[in-house]
Amino acid sequence: MIKEYNTIERIAGPLVFVKNTKNVMYQETVQVKMPDSSIKNGQVLEVTEDTAVIQVFEGTSGIDVKKSKVRFLEETLKLRVSEEMLGRVFSGLGKPIDGGPEIIGEKELDINGSPINPTSRDNPGDFIQTGISAIDGMDTLVRGQKLPIFSGAGLPHNRLAAQIARQATVLGEKEKFAIVFAAMGVTHEEANFFREEFEKTGALEKVVMFLNYADDPAIERIITPRIALTAAEFLAFDKDMQVLVILTDMTNYCEALREISSAREEVPGRRGYPGYMYTNLATIYERAGRIKGKKGSITQLPILSMPDDDKTHPIPDNTGYITEGQIVLSRPMHMAGIYPPIDVRPSLSRLMNHGIGPEKTREDHAGVSNQLYAAYAEGMDKKDLVAVVGEEALTERDRQYLKFADLFEKNFVNQGYEENRPIHETLDIAWGLFKTIPERELKRIDEKHIRKYLKGEKTAEKEKQAKAKKPRK
């Protein structure tokens, strides 16, 4: 039985406190009927003995404490889902904003999702190609993984997100691939950039977009990623698609979480964020994965801008504990004109080895990645040394690694915004870089791969024959 109350006690920010309530459920959907008969929608955020705290999605402006009525609908917030969502643009609450018709849903799903039984989870595996060398070659994205991008104010994470959404694909003709793109707290200019990028390249037909604008109520940002992931779960587990979910910017999401916590007068945690932020983020990130017996998968690429470029800030800190690695954007590299400015040294994909190798990327991938990392790290150490003693004090070997670090940034990391590199091209660029250092330094690569990719099989065979003909002393 639907219950209606006109007992609003007070309003605090996006929250409405209703007293003398009975049998109200947590996360129950709510309608607030205004004096002019218009309706605002909300959700029960907290229930005490006789008071319900409601978060109103459209904001609380215009709600009259004495004249407005609150109706509890005895159901949770649901999203109508259909394969027709592909190519469409929705608001942060899942309403069409592209001028198209309402979605005729195949089913309605709870936006909080259904927890995946741990015993039913399958290990992440197989390669997702982004076309970006620094990711594909060094910090490979694997199906079912959650791999965040740590950025900062002014860095080109939006361009990188659009490029990944445009270029990302899975290798194999039989695989159906889709992108679910959710933007939270973005400006209208940023939202138009994403829409225009996808439309002009034709990528929009495989994308489901959810846009929460900066001037939308902050409370809506709490709902947006959950609605996006609900659509992703339908496409992945009902339609057998490989789905990549891009969430930007998770910092705006956490700011909304802090605003609500403050309105509820909760005791703040680190830097004013609620103590349950870790758990709250986990309810989003842990919806990535694969399920045994299901062909589809959900891979997450959350993007967050670190305040003051601080990796120890609560948002990246909590995110790092939940996810399987991180891709870190570098301000010095951005200032040097390198795009994308990915610093591979602090970047890491913990599940990379599950998605590379023979029949996935290429047999030499693991060795090439390890060697690139070692050589680049040594080259950067030489750069630090030059700042102290000058380049004249370096040995010939030191200069070779110094040159390698520069070439690695210019030729491997740096690439055009429109440039889509297949994985074999990324690995071939790496082999070209290895020619600038002595072959004896390639200690992390299998000898047979050196013969095949550095020398070429014919050259290696000639050397072998020459050694065989050489007379013994």
Protein backbone atom coordinates (compact mmCIF):
# COMPACT_ATOMS: atom_id res chain seq x y z
CA MET A 1 0.00 0.00 0.00
CA ILE A 2 1.41 3.37 -1.08
CA LYS A 3 1.85 5.70 1.90
CA GLU A 4 1.61 9.50 1.69
CA TYR A 5 2.75 11.98 4.35
CA ASN A 6 2.58 15.76 4.76
CA THR A 7 4.91 15.70 7.78
CA ILE A 8 8.09 17.22 6.36
CA GLU A 9 10.12 18.31 9.36
CA ARG A 10 12.97 20.18 7.67
CA ILE A 11 15.08 20.49 4.54
CA ALA A 12 18.89 20.42 4.53
CA GLY A 13 20.60 20.86 1.15
CA PRO A 14 19.39 18.02 -1.11
CA LEU A 15 17.78 16.16 1.82
CA VAL A 16 14.21 16.16 3.09
CA PHE A 17 13.45 14.87 6.60
CA VAL A 18 9.98 13.34 7.01
CA LYS A 19 8.78 12.47 10.53
CA ASN A 20 6.15 10.05 11.85
CA THR A 21 6.79 7.51 9.08
CA LYS A 22 6.07 3.79 9.38
CA ASN A 23 7.34 0.72 7.52
CA VAL A 24 9.58 2.74 5.19
CA MET A 25 12.34 0.81 3.38
CA TYR A 26 15.94 1.85 2.78
CA GLN A 27 16.43 2.92 -0.89
CA GLU A 28 12.66 3.03 -1.45
CA THR A 29 11.69 5.41 -4.24
CA VAL A 30 9.76 8.54 -3.32
CA GLN A 31 7.68 11.24 -5.02
CA VAL A 32 7.49 14.72 -3.51
CA LYS A 33 4.30 16.46 -4.62
CA MET A 34 4.79 20.23 -4.79
CA PRO A 35 2.08 22.83 -4.02
CA ASP A 36 1.71 23.42 -7.79
CA SER A 37 1.14 19.65 -8.32
CA SER A 38 4.54 19.13 -9.97
CA ILE A 39 6.53 16.08 -8.89
CA LYS A 40 10.11 15.67 -7.70
CA ASN A 41 11.63 12.21 -7.42
CA GLY A 42 13.82 10.90 -4.64
CA GLN A 43 15.08 7.92 -2.72
CA VAL A 44 15.17 6.98 0.97
CA LEU A 45 18.70 7.46 2.20
CA GLU A 46 18.26 6.65 5.89
CA VAL A 47 15.52 5.35 8.15
CA THR A 48 15.30 5.84 11.91
CA GLU A 49 12.51 4.82 14.29
CA ASP A 50 10.00 7.37 13.00
CA THR A 51 11.93 9.59 10.53
CA ALA A 52 12.92 9.00 6.90
CA VAL A 53 15.73 10.95 5.23
CA ILE A 54 15.11 11.41 1.52
CA GLN A 55 17.57 12.51 -1.14
CA VAL A 56 15.75 14.48 -3.84
CA PHE A 57 17.29 14.07 -7.30
CA GLU A 58 16.01 17.31 -8.82
CA GLY A 59 17.04 19.44 -5.83
CA THR A 60 14.88 20.72 -3.00
CA SER A 61 14.18 24.24 -4.27
CA GLY A 62 10.45 24.99 -4.27
CA ILE A 63 9.52 22.36 -1.71
CA ASP A 64 7.19 23.84 0.91
CA VAL A 65 7.60 22.23 4.33
CA LYS A 66 3.93 22.74 5.21
CA LYS A 67 2.21 22.21 1.84
CA SER A 68 4.32 19.57 0.05
CA LYS A 69 3.44 15.88 0.37
CA VAL A 70 5.74 12.87 0.27
CA ARG A 71 4.60 9.59 -1.28
CA PHE A 72 6.55 6.36 -0.64
CA LEU A 73 6.22 4.00 -3.63
CA GLU A 74 7.37 0.72 -1.97
CA GLU A 75 9.93 -0.11 -4.68
CA THR A 76 13.59 0.61 -5.38
CA LEU A 77 14.89 2.78 -8.19
CA LYS A 78 14.89 0.84 -11.46
CA LEU A 79 16.15 1.41 -15.00
CA ARG A 80 14.40 0.23 -18.14
CA VAL A 81 17.03 -1.45 -20.28
CA SER A 82 17.18 -2.52 -23.89
CA GLU A 83 19.74 -3.05 -26.62
CA GLU A 84 18.19 0.07 -28.21
CA MET A 85 20.13 2.12 -25.64
CA LEU A 86 23.21 1.82 -27.86
CA GLY A 87 23.77 5.05 -29.74
CA ARG A 88 21.60 7.05 -27.32
CA VAL A 89 22.39 9.87 -24.87
CA PHE A 90 20.73 10.00 -21.43
CA SER A 91 20.72 12.27 -18.42
CA GLY A 92 22.41 11.26 -15.21
CA LEU A 93 19.09 9.78 -14.11
CA GLY A 94 18.64 7.72 -17.27
CA LYS A 95 16.18 9.99 -19.12
CA PRO A 96 16.74 10.47 -22.90
CA ILE A 97 18.22 13.90 -23.70
CA ASP A 98 19.07 13.38 -27.38
CA GLY A 99 15.61 14.15 -28.73
CA GLY A 100 14.84 10.48 -29.28
CA PRO A 101 11.91 8.48 -27.90
CA GLU A 102 11.70 6.87 -24.48
CA ILE A 103 13.29 3.44 -24.27
CA ILE A 104 10.81 0.57 -24.44
CA GLY A 105 12.59 -1.63 -21.97
CA GLU A 106 13.00 -5.37 -22.32
CA LYS A 107 13.13 -5.46 -18.53
CA GLU A 108 13.49 -3.20 -15.48
CA LEU A 109 16.59 -3.64 -13.32
CA ASP A 110 17.43 -2.36 -9.84
CA ILE A 111 20.17 0.25 -10.27
CA ASN A 112 22.09 -1.16 -7.29
CA GLY A 113 22.67 -4.38 -9.19
CA SER A 114 22.75 -7.91 -7.88
CA PRO A 115 25.90 -8.95 -6.00
CA ILE A 116 27.98 -11.48 -7.92
CA ASN A 117 28.50 -14.67 -5.95
CA PRO A 118 32.28 -14.87 -5.36
CA THR A 119 32.30 -18.52 -6.42
CA SER A 120 30.65 -17.53 -9.72
CA ARG A 121 33.27 -14.91 -10.58
CA ASP A 122 35.62 -15.82 -13.39
CA ASN A 123 39.19 -14.54 -13.51
CA PRO A 124 39.73 -11.46 -15.71
CA GLY A 125 41.50 -12.39 -18.92
CA ASP A 126 41.96 -11.52 -22.60
CA PHE A 127 43.17 -8.28 -24.12
CA ILE A 128 41.26 -5.04 -24.74
CA GLN A 129 43.03 -2.91 -27.32
CA THR A 130 42.80 0.84 -26.73
CA GLY A 131 45.11 1.80 -29.59
CA ILE A 132 47.31 3.72 -27.13
CA SER A 133 50.85 2.32 -26.88
CA ALA A 134 51.56 3.33 -23.29
CA ILE A 135 48.45 1.41 -22.15
CA ASP A 136 48.44 -1.54 -24.55
CA GLY A 137 52.19 -2.13 -24.36
CA MET A 138 52.98 -1.33 -20.74
CA ASP A 139 49.76 -1.34 -18.66
CA THR A 140 47.50 -3.63 -20.60
CA LEU A 141 43.76 -3.45 -19.99
CA VAL A 142 42.21 -6.90 -19.46
CA ARG A 143 38.57 -7.94 -19.79
CA GLY A 144 36.84 -7.89 -16.42
CA GLN A 145 39.46 -5.59 -14.87
CA LYS A 146 39.00 -2.26 -13.11
CA LEU A 147 41.90 0.02 -14.03
CA PRO A 148 41.59 3.70 -13.00
CA ILE A 149 43.30 6.68 -14.60
CA PHE A 150 44.81 9.09 -12.06
CA SER A 151 44.88 12.58 -13.52
CA GLY A 152 44.96 16.18 -12.31
CA ALA A 153 43.33 19.53 -13.02
CA GLY A 154 44.23 20.76 -16.49
CA LEU A 155 45.54 17.42 -17.73
CA PRO A 156 43.93 15.93 -20.87
CA HIS A 157 42.01 13.09 -19.23
CA ASN A 158 38.84 14.03 -21.11
CA ARG A 159 40.62 13.77 -24.46
CA LEU A 160 42.15 10.47 -23.38
CA ALA A 161 38.73 9.15 -22.27
CA ALA A 162 37.18 10.14 -25.61
CA GLN A 163 40.04 8.56 -27.55
CA ILE A 164 39.78 5.28 -25.62
CA ALA A 165 36.00 5.20 -26.08
CA ARG A 166 36.44 5.82 -29.81
CA GLN A 167 39.24 3.30 -30.38
CA ALA A 168 38.73 0.53 -27.83
CA THR A 169 37.99 -2.90 -29.23
CA VAL A 170 38.42 -6.57 -28.51
CA LEU A 171 40.39 -8.72 -30.93
CA GLY A 172 38.26 -11.35 -32.61
CA GLU A 173 35.51 -11.04 -35.20
CA LYS A 174 32.83 -12.85 -33.19
CA GLU A 175 32.95 -10.59 -30.13
CA LYS A 176 30.25 -7.92 -29.68
CA PHE A 177 31.73 -4.82 -28.06
CA ALA A 178 30.06 -1.80 -26.42
CA ILE A 179 31.06 1.29 -24.44
CA VAL A 180 29.05 2.67 -21.52
CA PHE A 181 30.24 6.23 -20.92
CA ALA A 182 29.15 8.08 -17.78
CA ALA A 183 30.25 11.69 -17.15
CA MET A 184 29.61 13.20 -13.72
CA GLY A 185 29.73 16.91 -12.93
CA VAL A 186 31.00 17.92 -16.38
CA THR A 187 30.45 21.33 -17.93
CA HIS A 188 28.17 21.70 -20.95
CA GLU A 189 31.29 22.41 -23.04
CA GLU A 190 32.88 19.13 -21.95
CA ALA A 191 29.64 17.21 -22.56
CA ASN A 192 29.34 18.68 -26.06
CA PHE A 193 32.95 17.70 -26.73
CA PHE A 194 32.21 14.05 -25.90
CA ARG A 195 29.01 13.96 -27.93
CA GLU A 196 30.58 15.60 -30.98
CA GLU A 197 33.62 13.32 -30.83
CA PHE A 198 31.50 10.19 -30.81
CA GLU A 199 29.08 11.45 -33.46
CA LYS A 200 31.67 12.61 -36.01
CA THR A 201 33.66 9.36 -35.81
CA GLY A 202 30.63 7.07 -35.86
CA ALA A 203 31.61 5.61 -32.49
CA LEU A 204 28.31 6.71 -30.94
CA GLU A 205 26.50 3.69 -32.39
CA LYS A 206 28.38 1.41 -29.98
CA VAL A 207 28.20 3.86 -27.03
CA VAL A 208 25.57 4.40 -24.33
CA MET A 209 26.12 7.88 -22.84
CA PHE A 210 24.97 9.19 -19.47
CA LEU A 211 25.64 12.88 -18.81
CA ASN A 212 25.37 14.59 -15.43
CA TYR A 213 26.13 18.30 -15.84
CA ALA A 214 27.94 20.50 -13.35
CA ASP A 215 24.77 22.56 -12.85
CA ASP A 216 22.62 19.49 -12.19
CA PRO A 217 21.87 18.72 -8.55
CA ALA A 218 24.87 17.09 -6.88
CA ILE A 219 22.66 14.31 -5.58
CA GLU A 220 22.18 13.10 -9.16
CA ARG A 221 25.90 12.27 -9.32
CA ILE A 222 25.40 9.54 -6.73
CA ILE A 223 22.93 7.81 -9.05
CA THR A 224 24.68 8.26 -12.43
CA PRO A 225 27.43 5.59 -12.15
CA ARG A 226 24.93 3.06 -10.77
CA ILE A 227 22.54 3.65 -13.66
CA ALA A 228 25.43 3.34 -16.14
CA LEU A 229 26.59 0.07 -14.58
CA THR A 230 23.04 -1.30 -14.65
CA ALA A 231 22.95 -0.72 -18.41
CA ALA A 232 26.40 -2.33 -18.69
CA GLU A 233 25.31 -5.42 -16.74
CA PHE A 234 22.33 -5.90 -19.06
CA LEU A 235 24.48 -5.63 -22.20
CA ALA A 236 27.19 -7.88 -20.78
CA PHE A 237 25.25 -10.65 -19.07
CA ASP A 238 21.97 -10.62 -21.02
CA LYS A 239 23.32 -9.72 -24.47
CA ASP A 240 26.75 -11.41 -24.24
CA MET A 241 28.68 -8.22 -25.03
CA GLN A 242 32.17 -7.21 -23.95
CA VAL A 243 31.45 -3.88 -22.24
CA LEU A 244 33.95 -1.17 -21.32
CA VAL A 245 32.60 1.29 -18.74
CA ILE A 246 34.29 4.69 -18.59
CA LEU A 247 33.42 6.78 -15.51
CA THR A 248 34.62 10.38 -15.41
CA ASP A 249 35.18 12.16 -13.06
CA MET A 250 35.02 10.06 -9.88
CA THR A 251 36.33 13.05 -7.92
CA ASN A 252 33.06 14.88 -8.66
CA TYR A 253 31.18 11.80 -7.45
CA CYS A 254 33.09 11.82 -4.15
CA GLU A 255 32.52 15.55 -3.71
CA ALA A 256 28.78 14.91 -4.00
CA LEU A 257 29.15 12.14 -1.43
CA ARG A 258 30.84 14.60 0.93
CA GLU A 259 28.10 17.20 0.38
CA ILE A 260 25.38 14.72 1.30
CA SER A 261 27.33 13.54 4.33
CA SER A 262 27.66 17.14 5.51
CA ALA A 263 23.92 17.74 5.04
CA ARG A 264 23.24 14.68 7.20
CA GLU A 265 25.55 16.18 9.85
CA GLU A 266 27.70 13.05 9.96
CA VAL A 267 31.07 12.99 11.67
CA PRO A 268 33.58 13.63 8.85
CA GLY A 269 36.54 11.40 8.07
CA ARG A 270 39.77 12.32 6.28
CA ARG A 271 39.57 15.79 4.69
CA GLY A 272 35.84 15.95 5.35
CA TYR A 273 34.91 12.88 3.31
CA PRO A 274 32.59 10.36 4.98
CA GLY A 275 34.20 7.40 6.68
CA TYR A 276 32.21 5.01 4.49
CA MET A 277 33.61 6.40 1.21
CA TYR A 278 35.77 3.30 0.73
CA THR A 279 32.75 1.00 1.03
CA ASN A 280 30.67 3.27 -1.20
CA LEU A 281 33.31 3.28 -3.95
CA ALA A 282 33.60 -0.49 -3.66
CA THR A 283 29.88 -0.84 -4.49
CA ILE A 284 30.72 0.77 -7.84
CA TYR A 285 34.11 -0.71 -8.68
CA GLU A 286 33.22 -4.28 -7.70
CA ARG A 287 30.49 -4.40 -10.34
CA ALA A 288 33.23 -5.04 -12.89
CA GLY A 289 34.11 -8.60 -13.75
CA ARG A 290 33.19 -11.81 -15.53
CA ILE A 291 30.74 -14.54 -14.52
CA LYS A 292 31.34 -18.22 -15.15
CA GLY A 293 29.07 -19.49 -17.89
CA LYS A 294 28.49 -16.00 -19.32
CA LYS A 295 30.18 -14.81 -22.50
CA GLY A 296 30.02 -11.11 -21.66
CA SER A 297 32.23 -9.07 -19.35
CA ILE A 298 32.35 -5.65 -17.69
CA THR A 299 35.66 -3.79 -17.66
CA GLN A 300 35.91 -0.49 -15.81
CA LEU A 301 38.12 2.49 -16.59
CA PRO A 302 37.27 5.07 -13.89
CA ILE A 303 38.95 8.47 -14.25
CA LEU A 304 39.64 10.74 -11.31
CA SER A 305 41.43 14.08 -11.03
CA MET A 306 43.67 14.12 -7.96
CA PRO A 307 43.38 17.38 -6.00
CA ASP A 308 46.80 19.08 -6.06
CA ASP A 309 48.16 16.02 -7.95
CA ASP A 310 48.28 14.27 -4.57
CA LYS A 311 48.26 10.46 -4.85
CA THR A 312 47.73 10.19 -1.08
CA HIS A 313 44.44 12.12 -1.25
CA PRO A 314 41.53 9.98 0.06
CA ILE A 315 39.94 9.56 -3.39
CA PRO A 316 42.92 8.03 -5.27
CA ASP A 317 44.08 6.34 -2.06
CA ASN A 318 40.79 4.49 -1.55
CA THR A 319 40.45 3.78 -5.26
CA GLY A 320 43.92 2.22 -5.39
CA TYR A 321 43.03 -0.26 -2.66
CA ILE A 322 39.94 -1.49 -4.52
CA THR A 323 41.13 -1.56 -8.13
CA GLU A 324 43.83 -3.59 -9.90
CA GLY A 325 46.45 -0.97 -10.66
CA GLN A 326 46.40 2.55 -12.05
CA ILE A 327 47.43 4.64 -15.06
CA VAL A 328 49.05 7.90 -13.93
CA LEU A 329 49.13 11.08 -16.04
CA SER A 330 52.20 13.30 -15.62
CA ARG A 331 52.09 17.08 -15.48
CA PRO A 332 55.78 17.52 -16.52
CA MET A 333 55.20 15.30 -19.58
CA HIS A 334 52.09 17.31 -20.45
CA MET A 335 54.07 20.54 -20.15
CA ALA A 336 56.68 19.02 -22.47
CA GLY A 337 54.00 18.53 -25.16
CA ILE A 338 53.73 14.75 -24.88
CA TYR A 339 50.28 13.26 -25.47
CA PRO A 340 49.01 11.19 -23.80
CA PRO A 341 51.22 12.20 -20.85
CA ILE A 342 51.24 8.72 -19.27
CA ASP A 343 54.07 8.16 -16.80
CA VAL A 344 54.70 4.42 -17.03
CA ARG A 345 56.89 4.28 -13.91
CA PRO A 346 54.13 4.67 -11.26
CA SER A 347 51.56 3.12 -13.58
CA LEU A 348 50.67 -0.52 -13.16
CA SER A 349 48.22 -3.12 -14.43
CA ARG A 350 48.25 -5.98 -11.93
CA LEU A 351 46.30 -8.29 -14.26
CA MET A 352 48.35 -7.55 -17.36
CA ASN A 353 49.85 -11.04 -17.58
CA HIS A 354 46.34 -12.52 -17.81
CA GLY A 355 45.68 -10.71 -21.09
CA ILE A 356 48.94 -10.88 -23.06
CA GLY A 357 51.04 -13.50 -24.78
CA PRO A 358 50.54 -15.98 -27.65
CA GLU A 359 47.03 -15.96 -29.17
CA LYS A 360 46.13 -12.88 -27.11
CA THR A 361 48.60 -10.16 -28.15
CA ARG A 362 52.01 -11.53 -29.22
CA GLU A 363 54.55 -13.96 -27.80
CA ASP A 364 57.16 -11.26 -27.10
CA HIS A 365 54.82 -8.86 -25.28
CA ALA A 366 55.77 -9.66 -21.67
CA GLY A 367 59.53 -9.50 -22.28
CA VAL A 368 59.25 -6.32 -24.35
CA SER A 369 57.21 -4.60 -21.64
CA ASN A 370 59.66 -5.56 -18.89
CA GLN A 371 62.65 -4.44 -20.94
CA LEU A 372 61.04 -1.13 -21.86
CA TYR A 373 60.27 -0.39 -18.24
CA ALA A 374 63.81 -1.25 -17.07
CA ALA A 375 65.53 0.75 -19.81
CA TYR A 376 63.27 3.79 -19.40
CA ALA A 377 63.69 3.76 -15.59
CA GLU A 378 67.46 3.67 -15.99
CA GLY A 379 67.35 6.47 -18.55
CA MET A 380 65.33 8.66 -16.17
CA ASP A 381 67.89 7.95 -13.43
CA LYS A 382 70.57 9.26 -15.79
CA LYS A 383 68.50 12.42 -16.33
CA ASP A 384 68.55 13.02 -12.59
CA LEU A 385 72.31 12.40 -12.59
CA VAL A 386 72.85 14.94 -15.39
CA ALA A 387 71.15 17.59 -13.26
CA VAL A 388 73.85 17.04 -10.63
CA VAL A 389 77.12 16.28 -12.49
CA GLY A 390 76.40 17.39 -16.06
CA GLU A 391 76.24 15.25 -19.22
CA GLU A 392 80.01 15.40 -19.73
CA ALA A 393 80.52 13.15 -16.69
CA LEU A 394 78.40 10.34 -18.14
CA THR A 395 79.82 7.18 -19.67
CA GLU A 396 78.93 6.08 -23.20
CA ARG A 397 76.48 3.54 -21.76
CA ASP A 398 74.86 6.26 -19.65
CA ARG A 399 74.38 8.44 -22.73
CA GLN A 400 72.74 5.57 -24.59
CA TYR A 401 70.15 5.16 -21.84
CA LEU A 402 69.65 8.92 -21.65
CA LYS A 403 68.90 8.91 -25.37
CA PHE A 404 66.64 5.87 -24.96
CA ALA A 405 64.48 7.68 -22.36
CA ASP A 406 63.97 10.64 -24.71
CA LEU A 407 63.13 8.40 -27.68
CA PHE A 408 60.78 6.32 -25.55
CA GLU A 409 58.74 9.40 -24.62
CA LYS A 410 58.80 10.89 -28.13
CA ASN A 411 58.21 7.75 -30.22
CA PHE A 412 56.45 5.26 -27.94
CA VAL A 413 54.39 7.23 -25.39
CA ASN A 414 53.71 10.24 -27.61
CA GLN A 415 51.14 9.67 -30.35
CA GLY A 416 48.47 11.66 -32.12
CA TYR A 417 44.97 12.08 -30.76
CA GLU A 418 43.65 10.52 -33.98
CA GLU A 419 46.33 7.81 -34.05
CA ASN A 420 45.07 4.29 -33.38
CA ARG A 421 47.96 1.85 -33.02
CA PRO A 422 47.34 -1.90 -33.25
CA ILE A 423 49.24 -3.92 -30.65
CA HIS A 424 51.70 -5.33 -33.21
CA GLU A 425 52.64 -1.78 -34.24
CA THR A 426 53.18 -0.83 -30.58
CA LEU A 427 55.51 -3.80 -30.09
CA ASP A 428 57.37 -3.07 -33.36
CA ILE A 429 58.03 0.51 -32.17
CA ALA A 430 59.53 -0.96 -29.01
CA TRP A 431 61.88 -3.19 -31.01
CA GLY A 432 62.99 -0.13 -32.97
CA LEU A 433 63.91 1.55 -29.68
CA PHE A 434 65.92 -1.49 -28.56
CA LYS A 435 68.28 -0.94 -31.50
CA THR A 436 69.58 2.20 -29.75
CA ILE A 437 71.08 0.19 -26.87
CA PRO A 438 73.54 -2.72 -27.04
CA GLU A 439 71.97 -6.12 -27.61
CA ARG A 440 73.72 -7.47 -24.50
CA GLU A 441 71.55 -5.11 -22.42
CA LEU A 442 68.34 -6.90 -23.48
CA LYS A 443 68.41 -9.22 -20.48
CA ARG A 444 64.65 -9.40 -19.91
CA ILE A 445 63.73 -10.73 -23.34
CA ASP A 446 63.92 -14.34 -24.51
CA GLU A 447 66.81 -14.94 -26.90
CA LYS A 448 64.53 -16.47 -29.53
CA HIS A 449 62.41 -13.30 -29.56
CA ILE A 450 65.54 -11.18 -30.03
CA ARG A 451 66.51 -13.32 -33.03
CA LYS A 452 63.04 -13.08 -34.51
CA TYR A 453 62.08 -9.45 -33.91
CA LEU A 454 65.35 -7.57 -33.56
CA LYS A 455 67.50 -9.35 -36.15
CA GLY A 456 64.84 -11.05 -38.22
CA GLU A 457 64.78 -14.82 -38.68
CA LYS A 458 66.86 -14.76 -41.91
CA THR A 459 69.65 -12.68 -40.38
CA ALA A 460 69.73 -14.88 -37.28
CA GLU A 461 69.89 -18.02 -39.45
CA LYS A 462 72.81 -16.63 -41.46
CA GLU A 463 74.72 -15.86 -38.25
CA LYS A 464 74.06 -19.38 -37.03
CA GLN A 465 75.34 -20.89 -40.29
CA ALA A 466 78.43 -18.66 -40.24
CA LYS A 467 79.28 -19.81 -36.71
CA ALA A 468 78.84 -23.45 -37.76
CA LYS A 469 81.28 -23.01 -40.70
CA LYS A 470 83.88 -21.18 -38.64
CA PRO A 471 86.86 -23.58 -38.04
CA ARG A 472 87.63 -24.51 -34.45
CA LYS A 473 90.99 -23.46 -33.02
